[in-house]
C-alpha atoms as a PDB file:
ATOM      1  CA  UNK A   1      -0.030  -0.013   0.001  1.00  0.00           C
ATOM      2  CA  UNK A   2       1.065   3.607  -0.465  1.00  0.00           C
ATOM      3  CA  UNK A   3       3.316   5.053   2.130  1.00  0.00           C
ATOM      4  CA  UNK A   4       1.683   8.026   3.779  1.00  0.00           C
ATOM      5  CA  UNK A   5       5.042   9.440   4.734  1.00  0.00           C
ATOM      6  CA  UNK A   6       6.109   9.551   1.066  1.00  0.00           C
ATOM      7  CA  UNK A   7       2.886  11.176  -0.066  1.00  0.00           C
ATOM      8  CA  UNK A   8       3.141  13.903   2.689  1.00  0.00           C
ATOM      9  CA  UNK A   9       6.812  14.618   1.777  1.00  0.00           C
ATOM     10  CA  UNK A  10       5.987  14.853  -1.819  1.00  0.00           C
ATOM     11  CA  UNK A  11       2.993  17.133  -1.162  1.00  0.00           C
ATOM     12  CA  UNK A  12       4.996  19.382   1.037  1.00  0.00           C
ATOM     13  CA  UNK A  13       7.903  19.718  -1.433  1.00  0.00           C
ATOM     14  CA  UNK A  14       5.241  20.375  -4.235  1.00  0.00           C
ATOM     15  CA  UNK A  15       3.530  23.059  -2.081  1.00  0.00           C
ATOM     16  CA  UNK A  16       6.907  24.800  -1.416  1.00  0.00           C
ATOM     17  CA  UNK A  17       7.644  24.799  -5.090  1.00  0.00           C
ATOM     18  CA  UNK A  18       4.188  26.157  -5.971  1.00  0.00           C
ATOM     19  CA  UNK A  19       4.443  28.951  -3.336  1.00  0.00           C
ATOM     20  CA  UNK A  20       7.921  29.839  -4.662  1.00  0.00           C
ATOM     21  CA  UNK A  21       6.692  30.012  -8.288  1.00  0.00           C
ATOM     22  CA  UNK A  22       3.918  32.251  -7.324  1.00  0.00           C
ATOM     23  CA  UNK A  23       6.191  34.451  -5.432  1.00  0.00           C
ATOM     24  CA  UNK A  24       8.507  34.615  -8.417  1.00  0.00           C
ATOM     25  CA  UNK A  25       5.530  35.736 -10.595  1.00  0.00           C
ATOM     26  CA  UNK A  26       4.786  38.606  -8.116  1.00  0.00           C
ATOM     27  CA  UNK A  27       8.383  39.718  -7.802  1.00  0.00           C
ATOM     28  CA  UNK A  28       9.434  39.721 -11.399  1.00  0.00           C
ATOM     29  CA  UNK A  29      12.226  42.209 -12.426  1.00  0.00           C
ATOM     30  CA  UNK A  30      10.997  45.402 -14.240  1.00  0.00           C
ATOM     31  CA  UNK A  31      13.317  47.740 -16.063  1.00  0.00           C
ATOM     32  CA  UNK A  32      13.006  51.406 -16.896  1.00  0.00           C
ATOM     33  CA  UNK A  33      15.243  53.509 -19.184  1.00  0.00           C
ATOM     34  CA  UNK A  34      17.110  56.357 -17.361  1.00  0.00           C
ATOM     35  CA  UNK A  35      19.362  59.063 -18.663  1.00  0.00           C
ATOM     36  CA  UNK A  36      22.987  59.126 -17.392  1.00  0.00           C
ATOM     37  CA  UNK A  37      24.338  62.123 -15.349  1.00  0.00           C
ATOM     38  CA  UNK A  38      25.582  63.839 -18.389  1.00  0.00           C
ATOM     39  CA  UNK A  39      22.297  63.265 -20.168  1.00  0.00           C
ATOM     40  CA  UNK A  40      24.162  61.891 -23.251  1.00  0.00           C
ATOM     41  CA  UNK A  41      22.970  58.219 -22.893  1.00  0.00           C
ATOM     42  CA  UNK A  42      19.987  56.255 -21.819  1.00  0.00           C
ATOM     43  CA  UNK A  43      20.553  52.960 -19.985  1.00  0.00           C
ATOM     44  CA  UNK A  44      18.344  50.487 -18.161  1.00  0.00           C
ATOM     45  CA  UNK A  45      17.895  50.332 -14.486  1.00  0.00           C
ATOM     46  CA  UNK A  46      16.320  47.141 -13.053  1.00  0.00           C
ATOM     47  CA  UNK A  47      14.768  46.567  -9.732  1.00  0.00           C
ATOM     48  CA  UNK A  48      15.022  43.439  -7.410  1.00  0.00           C
ATOM     49  CA  UNK A  49      16.323  40.195  -8.848  1.00  0.00           C
ATOM     50  CA  UNK A  50      14.735  38.032  -6.206  1.00  0.00           C
ATOM     51  CA  UNK A  51      12.421  36.294  -8.577  1.00  0.00           C
ATOM     52  CA  UNK A  52      15.337  34.460 -10.230  1.00  0.00           C
ATOM     53  CA  UNK A  53      16.103  32.902  -6.757  1.00  0.00           C
ATOM     54  CA  UNK A  54      12.497  32.063  -6.244  1.00  0.00           C
ATOM     55  CA  UNK A  55      12.199  30.473  -9.720  1.00  0.00           C
ATOM     56  CA  UNK A  56      15.460  28.458  -9.152  1.00  0.00           C
ATOM     57  CA  UNK A  57      14.033  27.293  -5.767  1.00  0.00           C
ATOM     58  CA  UNK A  58      10.748  26.180  -7.130  1.00  0.00           C
ATOM     59  CA  UNK A  59      12.680  24.311  -9.932  1.00  0.00           C
ATOM     60  CA  UNK A  60      14.810  22.442  -7.290  1.00  0.00           C
ATOM     61  CA  UNK A  61      11.962  21.641  -4.962  1.00  0.00           C
ATOM     62  CA  UNK A  62       9.876  20.326  -7.846  1.00  0.00           C
ATOM     63  CA  UNK A  63      12.797  18.244  -9.019  1.00  0.00           C
ATOM     64  CA  UNK A  64      13.302  16.828  -5.494  1.00  0.00           C
ATOM     65  CA  UNK A  65       9.692  15.813  -5.399  1.00  0.00           C
ATOM     66  CA  UNK A  66       9.922  14.169  -8.776  1.00  0.00           C
ATOM     67  CA  UNK A  67      13.090  12.220  -7.800  1.00  0.00           C
ATOM     68  CA  UNK A  68      11.469  11.037  -4.564  1.00  0.00           C
ATOM     69  CA  UNK A  69       8.521   9.646  -6.389  1.00  0.00           C
ATOM     70  CA  UNK A  70      10.609   7.953  -9.098  1.00  0.00           C
ATOM     71  CA  UNK A  71      13.050   6.418  -6.623  1.00  0.00           C
ATOM     72  CA  UNK A  72      10.170   5.174  -4.552  1.00  0.00           C
ATOM     73  CA  UNK A  73       8.413   3.535  -7.598  1.00  0.00           C
ATOM     74  CA  UNK A  74      11.851   2.503  -9.110  1.00  0.00           C
ATOM     75  CA  UNK A  75      10.970   4.663 -12.007  1.00  0.00           C
ATOM     76  CA  UNK A  76       8.299   2.276 -13.142  1.00  0.00           C
ATOM     77  CA  UNK A  77      10.831   0.135 -15.096  1.00  0.00           C
ATOM     78  CA  UNK A  78      12.733  -1.598 -12.359  1.00  0.00           C
ATOM     79  CA  UNK A  79      11.566  -3.915  -9.733  1.00  0.00           C
ATOM     80  CA  UNK A  80       8.810  -6.517  -9.534  1.00  0.00           C
ATOM     81  CA  UNK A  81       6.110  -6.570 -12.044  1.00  0.00           C
ATOM     82  CA  UNK A  82       2.711  -5.059 -11.266  1.00  0.00           C
ATOM     83  CA  UNK A  83      -0.523  -6.991 -11.058  1.00  0.00           C
ATOM     84  CA  UNK A  84      -2.537  -6.762 -14.254  1.00  0.00           C
ATOM     85  CA  UNK A  85      -5.818  -4.624 -14.052  1.00  0.00           C
ATOM     86  CA  UNK A  86      -7.145  -1.061 -13.954  1.00  0.00           C
ATOM     87  CA  UNK A  87      -4.648   0.160 -11.363  1.00  0.00           C
ATOM     88  CA  UNK A  88      -1.723  -0.810 -13.523  1.00  0.00           C
ATOM     89  CA  UNK A  89      -3.221   0.778 -16.636  1.00  0.00           C
ATOM     90  CA  UNK A  90      -4.044   3.965 -14.662  1.00  0.00           C
ATOM     91  CA  UNK A  91      -0.570   4.008 -13.128  1.00  0.00           C
ATOM     92  CA  UNK A  92       1.127   3.787 -16.717  1.00  0.00           C
ATOM     93  CA  UNK A  93      -1.185   6.597 -17.981  1.00  0.00           C
ATOM     94  CA  UNK A  94      -0.484   8.789 -14.907  1.00  0.00           C
ATOM     95  CA  UNK A  95       3.313   7.965 -15.234  1.00  0.00           C
ATOM     96  CA  UNK A  96       3.418   9.499 -18.766  1.00  0.00           C
ATOM     97  CA  UNK A  97       1.241  12.512 -17.835  1.00  0.00           C
ATOM     98  CA  UNK A  98       3.262  13.170 -14.636  1.00  0.00           C
ATOM     99  CA  UNK A  99       6.423  13.359 -16.721  1.00  0.00           C
ATOM    100  CA  UNK A 100       4.955  15.640 -19.409  1.00  0.00           C
ATOM    101  CA  UNK A 101       3.578  18.078 -16.875  1.00  0.00           C
ATOM    102  CA  UNK A 102       6.797  17.876 -14.802  1.00  0.00           C
ATOM    103  CA  UNK A 103       8.953  18.687 -18.038  1.00  0.00           C
ATOM    104  CA  UNK A 104       6.639  21.687 -18.880  1.00  0.00           C
ATOM    105  CA  UNK A 105       6.761  23.126 -15.342  1.00  0.00           C
ATOM    106  CA  UNK A 106      10.565  22.784 -15.180  1.00  0.00           C
ATOM    107  CA  UNK A 107      10.945  24.469 -18.614  1.00  0.00           C
ATOM    108  CA  UNK A 108       8.722  27.412 -17.555  1.00  0.00           C
ATOM    109  CA  UNK A 109      10.660  27.845 -14.326  1.00  0.00           C
ATOM    110  CA  UNK A 110      14.088  27.549 -15.775  1.00  0.00           C
ATOM    111  CA  UNK A 111      13.311  29.804 -18.720  1.00  0.00           C
ATOM    112  CA  UNK A 112      11.552  32.424 -16.537  1.00  0.00           C
ATOM    113  CA  UNK A 113      14.566  32.432 -14.181  1.00  0.00           C
ATOM    114  CA  UNK A 114      17.211  32.678 -16.874  1.00  0.00           C
ATOM    115  CA  UNK A 115      15.251  35.489 -18.560  1.00  0.00           C
ATOM    116  CA  UNK A 116      14.632  37.303 -15.291  1.00  0.00           C
ATOM    117  CA  UNK A 117      18.350  37.224 -14.524  1.00  0.00           C
ATOM    118  CA  UNK A 118      19.338  38.690 -17.870  1.00  0.00           C
ATOM    119  CA  UNK A 119      19.616  42.411 -17.856  1.00  0.00           C
ATOM    120  CA  UNK A 120      20.224  44.596 -20.851  1.00  0.00           C
ATOM    121  CA  UNK A 121      23.773  46.180 -20.569  1.00  0.00           C
ATOM    122  CA  UNK A 122      23.999  48.376 -23.557  1.00  0.00           C
ATOM    123  CA  UNK A 123      23.094  52.011 -23.809  1.00  0.00           C
ATOM    124  CA  UNK A 124      21.893  54.374 -26.570  1.00  0.00           C
ATOM    125  CA  UNK A 125      22.404  57.933 -27.536  1.00  0.00           C
ATOM    126  CA  UNK A 126      19.886  60.248 -26.033  1.00  0.00           C
ATOM    127  CA  UNK A 127      18.250  61.369 -29.302  1.00  0.00           C
ATOM    128  CA  UNK A 128      17.905  57.714 -30.514  1.00  0.00           C
ATOM    129  CA  UNK A 129      15.283  55.298 -29.334  1.00  0.00           C
ATOM    130  CA  UNK A 130      15.590  54.350 -25.687  1.00  0.00           C
ATOM    131  CA  UNK A 131      17.064  50.950 -24.957  1.00  0.00           C
ATOM    132  CA  UNK A 132      14.882  47.893 -24.754  1.00  0.00           C
ATOM    133  CA  UNK A 133      14.747  47.164 -21.026  1.00  0.00           C
ATOM    134  CA  UNK A 134      13.619  43.474 -21.571  1.00  0.00           C
ATOM    135  CA  UNK A 135      12.219  41.504 -18.659  1.00  0.00           C
ATOM    136  CA  UNK A 136      10.388  38.249 -18.398  1.00  0.00           C
ATOM    137  CA  UNK A 137       6.988  38.157 -19.742  1.00  0.00           C
ATOM    138  CA  UNK A 138       4.076  38.209 -17.253  1.00  0.00           C
ATOM    139  CA  UNK A 139       2.679  34.753 -16.697  1.00  0.00           C
ATOM    140  CA  UNK A 140       5.804  32.595 -17.253  1.00  0.00           C
ATOM    141  CA  UNK A 141       6.209  31.797 -13.516  1.00  0.00           C
ATOM    142  CA  UNK A 142       2.423  31.584 -13.198  1.00  0.00           C
ATOM    143  CA  UNK A 143       2.440  28.919 -16.010  1.00  0.00           C
ATOM    144  CA  UNK A 144       5.143  27.198 -14.123  1.00  0.00           C
ATOM    145  CA  UNK A 145       3.112  27.315 -10.932  1.00  0.00           C
ATOM    146  CA  UNK A 146       0.020  25.903 -12.701  1.00  0.00           C
ATOM    147  CA  UNK A 147       2.020  22.963 -14.063  1.00  0.00           C
ATOM    148  CA  UNK A 148       3.564  22.393 -10.660  1.00  0.00           C
ATOM    149  CA  UNK A 149      -0.012  22.053  -9.372  1.00  0.00           C
ATOM    150  CA  UNK A 150      -0.829  19.528 -12.093  1.00  0.00           C
ATOM    151  CA  UNK A 151       2.314  17.590 -11.494  1.00  0.00           C
ATOM    152  CA  UNK A 152       1.658  17.455  -7.758  1.00  0.00           C
ATOM    153  CA  UNK A 153      -1.938  16.099  -8.090  1.00  0.00           C
ATOM    154  CA  UNK A 154      -0.974  13.674 -10.899  1.00  0.00           C
ATOM    155  CA  UNK A 155       2.242  12.365  -9.119  1.00  0.00           C
ATOM    156  CA  UNK A 156       0.155  11.723  -5.904  1.00  0.00           C
ATOM    157  CA  UNK A 157      -2.416   9.764  -7.938  1.00  0.00           C
ATOM    158  CA  UNK A 158       0.291   8.011  -9.753  1.00  0.00           C
ATOM    159  CA  UNK A 159       1.926   6.802  -6.668  1.00  0.00           C
ATOM    160  CA  UNK A 160      -1.260   5.612  -5.191  1.00  0.00           C
ATOM    161  CA  UNK A 161      -2.167   3.775  -8.283  1.00  0.00           C
ATOM    162  CA  UNK A 162       1.264   2.226  -8.539  1.00  0.00           C
ATOM    163  CA  UNK A 163       1.034   1.116  -4.889  1.00  0.00           C
ATOM    164  CA  UNK A 164      -2.441  -0.475  -5.517  1.00  0.00           C
ATOM    165  CA  UNK A 165      -0.950  -2.331  -8.507  1.00  0.00           C
ATOM    166  CA  UNK A 166       2.018  -3.719  -6.672  1.00  0.00           C
ATOM    167  CA  UNK A 167       1.664  -7.297  -5.915  1.00  0.00           C
ATOM    168  CA  UNK A 168       3.392 -10.580  -6.209  1.00  0.00           C
ATOM    169  CA  UNK A 169       2.566 -13.333  -8.683  1.00  0.00           C
ATOM    170  CA  UNK A 170       2.720 -16.468  -6.727  1.00  0.00           C
ATOM    171  CA  UNK A 171       1.488 -20.025  -6.783  1.00  0.00           C
ATOM    172  CA  UNK A 172      -2.175 -20.683  -6.150  1.00  0.00           C
ATOM    173  CA  UNK A 173      -2.347 -21.383  -2.367  1.00  0.00           C
ATOM    174  CA  UNK A 174      -5.844 -22.889  -2.386  1.00  0.00           C
ATOM    175  CA  UNK A 175      -6.887 -26.439  -2.389  1.00  0.00           C
ATOM    176  CA  UNK A 176      -5.978 -28.471  -5.470  1.00  0.00           C
ATOM    177  CA  UNK A 177      -9.099 -30.700  -5.422  1.00  0.00           C
ATOM    178  CA  UNK A 178     -12.767 -30.056  -5.349  1.00  0.00           C
ATOM    179  CA  UNK A 179     -13.798 -29.274  -1.695  1.00  0.00           C
ATOM    180  CA  UNK A 180     -16.693 -31.695  -0.541  1.00  0.00           C
ATOM    181  CA  UNK A 181     -18.306 -31.545   2.806  1.00  0.00           C
ATOM    182  CA  UNK A 182     -18.916 -34.705   4.830  1.00  0.00           C
ATOM    183  CA  UNK A 183     -22.095 -36.309   3.645  1.00  0.00           C
ATOM    184  CA  UNK A 184     -24.281 -38.135   6.164  1.00  0.00           C
END
């Protein structure tokens, strides 16, 4: 049967990752174009860069959660075979969906963190167009948070289905003959 300790640890790791992704969305960097002291050039000034740390933290917590699930289930490919039936079929389906949502969440978090950490370094003449103070688009970390939520739910159901499908194939332990009661 499914270990409650593993399910609770995975849930806590996923909740921390979700919270960090939401915090990263709210604390994204913003940049504004400012003139220098001689008013010859414009350059970009960025505010806090803490969203990068939040994004990387969410990335690592989600990865730890996925590693724990895969180590516990032996990544679905090693170990004893599962009992045939609905639980095994459901576990296979959830295994694939879990990896897809995990991959999408990790890509969103990593791309958002890298893009948030990038700051434009060049400057332009004052009479030309102001520099492009590029920042991460709104919603990248939010998409990562949504896929963290999907991954959390699906991985919990996957682990439960996998645990239900575990079983040993063994010899029939029943009586070999036809059971008859004493007839009087």
